[in-house]
C-alpha atoms as a PDB file:
ATOM      1  CA  MET A   1      16.464  18.284 -19.350  1.00  0.00           C
ATOM      2  CA  ASN A   2      18.646  19.434 -22.378  1.00  0.00           C
ATOM      3  CA  VAL A   3      18.402  19.340 -25.908  1.00  0.00           C
ATOM      4  CA  LYS A   4      20.867  16.858 -26.374  1.00  0.00           C
ATOM      5  CA  GLU A   5      18.717  14.237 -23.753  1.00  0.00           C
ATOM      6  CA  ILE A   6      16.048  15.307 -25.808  1.00  0.00           C
ATOM      7  CA  THR A   7      17.499  14.365 -29.025  1.00  0.00           C
ATOM      8  CA  GLU A   8      18.698  11.561 -27.196  1.00  0.00           C
ATOM      9  CA  LEU A   9      15.509  10.572 -26.409  1.00  0.00           C
ATOM     10  CA  ILE A  10      14.287  10.932 -30.260  1.00  0.00           C
ATOM     11  CA  LYS A  11      17.010   8.395 -31.516  1.00  0.00           C
ATOM     12  CA  VAL A  12      15.565   6.228 -28.554  1.00  0.00           C
ATOM     13  CA  MET A  13      11.956   6.503 -29.784  1.00  0.00           C
ATOM     14  CA  ASN A  14      12.926   6.200 -33.606  1.00  0.00           C
ATOM     15  CA  LYS A  15      14.966   2.907 -33.124  1.00  0.00           C
ATOM     16  CA  SER A  16      11.698   1.553 -30.734  1.00  0.00           C
ATOM     17  CA  ASN A  17       8.504   0.232 -31.319  1.00  0.00           C
ATOM     18  CA  LEU A  18       7.190   2.251 -29.587  1.00  0.00           C
ATOM     19  CA  THR A  19       4.362   4.842 -30.883  1.00  0.00           C
ATOM     20  CA  LYS A  20       3.915   7.027 -27.876  1.00  0.00           C
ATOM     21  CA  LEU A  21       5.825   8.070 -25.633  1.00  0.00           C
ATOM     22  CA  GLU A  22       5.260  11.223 -22.787  1.00  0.00           C
ATOM     23  CA  ILE A  23       7.816  11.890 -19.859  1.00  0.00           C
ATOM     24  CA  GLN A  24       7.385  14.863 -16.975  1.00  0.00           C
ATOM     25  CA  GLU A  25      10.629  15.731 -15.303  1.00  0.00           C
ATOM     26  CA  ASN A  26      10.192  18.807 -12.656  1.00  0.00           C
ATOM     27  CA  ALA A  27       7.478  21.212 -14.884  1.00  0.00           C
ATOM     28  CA  ILE A  28       8.300  20.061 -18.076  1.00  0.00           C
ATOM     29  CA  SER A  29       6.340  17.753 -19.843  1.00  0.00           C
ATOM     30  CA  ILE A  30       7.386  16.081 -23.249  1.00  0.00           C
ATOM     31  CA  LYS A  31       4.816  14.184 -25.510  1.00  0.00           C
ATOM     32  CA  MET A  32       6.319  12.292 -28.859  1.00  0.00           C
ATOM     33  CA  GLU A  33       4.141  10.480 -31.523  1.00  0.00           C
ATOM     34  CA  LYS A  34       4.994   8.308 -34.530  1.00  0.00           C
ATOM     35  CA  GLN A  35       3.300   9.358 -37.245  1.00  0.00           C
ATOM     36  CA  GLY A  36       4.764   7.331 -41.150  1.00  0.00           C
ATOM     37  CA  GLY A  37       8.073   6.109 -39.267  1.00  0.00           C
ATOM     38  CA  LYS A  38       9.383   9.872 -37.580  1.00  0.00           C
ATOM     39  CA  VAL A  39       8.842  10.755 -34.395  1.00  0.00           C
ATOM     40  CA  VAL A  40       6.847  13.923 -33.988  1.00  0.00           C
ATOM     41  CA  LEU A  41       6.892  16.235 -30.620  1.00  0.00           C
ATOM     42  CA  ASP A  42       4.312  18.989 -29.759  1.00  0.00           C
ATOM     43  CA  LYS A  43       5.152  21.918 -28.221  1.00  0.00           C
ATOM     44  CA  THR A  44       2.927  23.618 -26.152  1.00  0.00           C
ATOM     45  CA  GLU A  45       4.958  26.163 -24.088  1.00  0.00           C
ATOM     46  CA  GLN A  46       8.627  26.885 -23.966  1.00  0.00           C
ATOM     47  CA  VAL A  47      10.572  26.853 -20.608  1.00  0.00           C
ATOM     48  CA  GLU A  48      12.715  29.667 -20.153  1.00  0.00           C
ATOM     49  CA  ALA A  49      15.808  27.318 -19.719  1.00  0.00           C
ATOM     50  CA  MET A  50      15.396  25.689 -22.517  1.00  0.00           C
ATOM     51  CA  PRO A  51      17.387  26.460 -25.709  1.00  0.00           C
ATOM     52  CA  LYS A  52      14.631  27.008 -28.625  1.00  0.00           C
ATOM     53  CA  VAL A  53      15.138  24.377 -31.086  1.00  0.00           C
ATOM     54  CA  GLU A  54      14.752  25.503 -34.447  1.00  0.00           C
ATOM     55  CA  GLU A  55      12.367  24.213 -36.989  1.00  0.00           C
ATOM     56  CA  ASN A  56      13.519  21.947 -40.067  1.00  0.00           C
ATOM     57  CA  PRO A  57      12.539  18.392 -41.597  1.00  0.00           C
ATOM     58  CA  GLN A  58      14.114  16.996 -38.144  1.00  0.00           C
ATOM     59  CA  PRO A  59      11.663  16.398 -35.550  1.00  0.00           C
ATOM     60  CA  LYS A  60      10.217  19.370 -33.785  1.00  0.00           C
ATOM     61  CA  VAL A  61      10.339  19.463 -30.144  1.00  0.00           C
ATOM     62  CA  GLU A  62       7.317  20.429 -27.710  1.00  0.00           C
ATOM     63  CA  GLU A  63       7.172  20.860 -24.012  1.00  0.00           C
ATOM     64  CA  LYS A  64       4.457  22.004 -22.096  1.00  0.00           C
ATOM     65  CA  VAL A  65       4.371  23.218 -18.306  1.00  0.00           C
ATOM     66  CA  SER A  66       1.762  21.326 -15.822  1.00  0.00           C
ATOM     67  CA  GLN A  67       1.803  20.760 -12.449  1.00  0.00           C
ATOM     68  CA  PRO A  68       2.166  16.677 -12.258  1.00  0.00           C
ATOM     69  CA  SER A  69      -1.267  15.304 -10.857  1.00  0.00           C
ATOM     70  CA  ALA A  70       0.273  11.562  -9.084  1.00  0.00           C
ATOM     71  CA  LYS A  71      -3.216  11.666  -6.920  1.00  0.00           C
ATOM     72  CA  GLU A  72      -6.146  12.231  -7.255  1.00  0.00           C
ATOM     73  CA  GLU A  73      -9.495  11.801  -5.124  1.00  0.00           C
ATOM     74  CA  HIS A  74     -12.540   9.785  -5.735  1.00  0.00           C
ATOM     75  CA  ASP A  75     -16.179  10.368  -6.521  1.00  0.00           C
ATOM     76  CA  ASP A  76     -16.958   9.777  -2.973  1.00  0.00           C
ATOM     77  CA  GLY A  77     -14.141  11.250  -0.753  1.00  0.00           C
ATOM     78  CA  ASN A  78     -12.686   8.408   1.192  1.00  0.00           C
ATOM     79  CA  THR A  79     -10.660   6.817  -1.977  1.00  0.00           C
ATOM     80  CA  LEU A  80      -7.645   7.638  -3.598  1.00  0.00           C
ATOM     81  CA  ILE A  81      -6.544   6.829  -7.045  1.00  0.00           C
ATOM     82  CA  VAL A  82      -3.012   6.535  -7.354  1.00  0.00           C
ATOM     83  CA  THR A  83      -1.606   7.260 -11.063  1.00  0.00           C
ATOM     84  CA  SER A  84       1.442   6.828 -12.753  1.00  0.00           C
ATOM     85  CA  PRO A  85       3.833  10.197 -12.352  1.00  0.00           C
ATOM     86  CA  ILE A  86       5.449   9.011 -15.759  1.00  0.00           C
ATOM     87  CA  VAL A  87       5.361   6.343 -19.026  1.00  0.00           C
ATOM     88  CA  GLY A  88       7.356   3.128 -18.143  1.00  0.00           C
ATOM     89  CA  THR A  89       7.239  -0.421 -17.099  1.00  0.00           C
ATOM     90  CA  PHE A  90       4.918  -1.146 -13.471  1.00  0.00           C
ATOM     91  CA  TYR A  91       6.830  -3.622 -10.763  1.00  0.00           C
ATOM     92  CA  GLU A  92       4.568  -4.560  -8.084  1.00  0.00           C
ATOM     93  CA  ALA A  93       8.066  -5.843  -6.481  1.00  0.00           C
ATOM     94  CA  PRO A  94      11.557  -4.874  -5.945  1.00  0.00           C
ATOM     95  CA  ALA A  95      12.664  -7.709  -7.938  1.00  0.00           C
ATOM     96  CA  PRO A  96      11.207 -10.486  -9.432  1.00  0.00           C
ATOM     97  CA  ASP A  97      12.019 -13.185  -6.869  1.00  0.00           C
ATOM     98  CA  LYS A  98      10.882 -11.032  -4.556  1.00  0.00           C
ATOM     99  CA  PRO A  99       6.783 -10.146  -2.710  1.00  0.00           C
ATOM    100  CA  PRO A 100       4.847  -7.396  -3.948  1.00  0.00           C
ATOM    101  CA  TYR A 101       5.018  -4.238  -1.956  1.00  0.00           C
ATOM    102  CA  VAL A 102       1.543  -4.088  -1.659  1.00  0.00           C
ATOM    103  CA  GLN A 103      -2.110  -6.349  -3.037  1.00  0.00           C
ATOM    104  CA  VAL A 104      -5.560  -6.078  -2.745  1.00  0.00           C
ATOM    105  CA  GLY A 105      -6.151  -5.687   1.229  1.00  0.00           C
ATOM    106  CA  SER A 106      -2.546  -4.432   2.434  1.00  0.00           C
ATOM    107  CA  ASN A 107      -2.584  -1.408   5.087  1.00  0.00           C
ATOM    108  CA  VAL A 108      -0.142   1.394   3.623  1.00  0.00           C
ATOM    109  CA  ALA A 109       1.228   4.152   5.485  1.00  0.00           C
ATOM    110  CA  VAL A 110       2.037   7.710   4.418  1.00  0.00           C
ATOM    111  CA  GLY A 111       5.714   7.070   2.796  1.00  0.00           C
ATOM    112  CA  ASP A 112       5.107   3.443   2.144  1.00  0.00           C
ATOM    113  CA  THR A 113       6.253   2.020  -1.392  1.00  0.00           C
ATOM    114  CA  LEU A 114       3.220   1.219  -3.794  1.00  0.00           C
ATOM    115  CA  CYS A 115       5.372  -0.249  -6.934  1.00  0.00           C
ATOM    116  CA  ILE A 116       8.155   0.593  -9.085  1.00  0.00           C
ATOM    117  CA  VAL A 117       8.140   2.315 -12.340  1.00  0.00           C
ATOM    118  CA  GLU A 118      10.258   1.827 -14.462  1.00  0.00           C
ATOM    119  CA  ALA A 119      11.672   4.910 -17.412  1.00  0.00           C
ATOM    120  CA  MET A 120      14.734   4.455 -19.177  1.00  0.00           C
ATOM    121  CA  LYS A 121      16.777   2.279 -16.943  1.00  0.00           C
ATOM    122  CA  ILE A 122      15.383   4.307 -13.734  1.00  0.00           C
ATOM    123  CA  MET A 123      13.960   2.669 -11.329  1.00  0.00           C
ATOM    124  CA  ASN A 124      10.906   5.302 -10.033  1.00  0.00           C
ATOM    125  CA  GLU A 125       9.163   4.393  -6.622  1.00  0.00           C
ATOM    126  CA  ILE A 126       5.936   5.452  -6.436  1.00  0.00           C
ATOM    127  CA  ASP A 127       5.132   5.987  -2.653  1.00  0.00           C
ATOM    128  CA  SER A 128       1.556   6.195  -0.785  1.00  0.00           C
ATOM    129  CA  GLU A 129       0.390  10.101   0.173  1.00  0.00           C
ATOM    130  CA  VAL A 130      -1.861   8.665   2.825  1.00  0.00           C
ATOM    131  CA  CYS A 131      -2.652   6.083   5.366  1.00  0.00           C
ATOM    132  CA  GLY A 132      -5.166   3.784   4.500  1.00  0.00           C
ATOM    133  CA  LYS A 133      -6.204  -0.364   2.681  1.00  0.00           C
ATOM    134  CA  VAL A 134      -5.206  -1.189  -0.813  1.00  0.00           C
ATOM    135  CA  VAL A 135      -8.720  -1.847  -1.959  1.00  0.00           C
ATOM    136  CA  GLU A 136      -7.821  -2.507  -6.162  1.00  0.00           C
ATOM    137  CA  VAL A 137      -4.709  -2.923  -8.243  1.00  0.00           C
ATOM    138  CA  LEU A 138      -5.417  -1.562 -11.473  1.00  0.00           C
ATOM    139  CA  VAL A 139      -2.651  -3.166 -13.891  1.00  0.00           C
ATOM    140  CA  ASN A 140      -0.839  -6.095 -13.768  1.00  0.00           C
ATOM    141  CA  ASP A 141       3.393  -6.467 -13.060  1.00  0.00           C
ATOM    142  CA  GLY A 142       5.535  -5.858 -16.210  1.00  0.00           C
ATOM    143  CA  GLU A 143       2.433  -3.552 -17.868  1.00  0.00           C
ATOM    144  CA  MET A 144       3.366  -0.428 -19.920  1.00  0.00           C
ATOM    145  CA  VAL A 145       1.926   2.192 -18.094  1.00  0.00           C
ATOM    146  CA  GLU A 146       1.012   5.626 -19.067  1.00  0.00           C
ATOM    147  CA  TYR A 147       1.300   8.882 -17.813  1.00  0.00           C
ATOM    148  CA  GLY A 148      -1.655   9.423 -15.511  1.00  0.00           C
ATOM    149  CA  GLN A 149      -2.991   6.008 -15.743  1.00  0.00           C
ATOM    150  CA  GLU A 150      -4.832   4.929 -12.371  1.00  0.00           C
ATOM    151  CA  LEU A 151      -2.903   2.113 -10.593  1.00  0.00           C
ATOM    152  CA  PHE A 152      -4.094   1.555  -7.426  1.00  0.00           C
ATOM    153  CA  LYS A 153      -7.906   2.770  -5.290  1.00  0.00           C
ATOM    154  CA  ILE A 154      -6.581   3.157  -1.407  1.00  0.00           C
ATOM    155  CA  ALA A 155      -9.672   3.572   0.811  1.00  0.00           C
ATOM    156  CA  LYS A 156      -8.318   6.360   3.426  1.00  0.00           C
ATOM    157  CA  GLN A 157      -8.480   5.738   7.102  1.00  0.00           C
END
């Protein structure tokens, strides 16, 4: 992600009703929040490939490098909780007139598409990393999801 793309994100954020936006691309994570009508970005660590943004009355850009955690184990070790790797809109089906990818009780294999999370008009398919059965769908179709928000619980087989 370059400075031009980050600047474009700031413009989009200023024009929208969103108050908070988090984006992760590869090892770069960007968090933006509106405070008093202006976008404020937090920077915890600058990636070497990114040019430094000067601090002035305009929003400052902060980036942190982190490992994406799209999946995590549940307490019993047999249930996998699938979390959103990005902020966006959750879609349970490939199109409004199509059936959902999965429902409670659906059996899934490694690589099966579970849902789509749309971010900035890009449809990001979220795939299963285990074989198992969907025991719970934690969000509704069309709902906004945050980075790290739980989407599904899958009982491993």
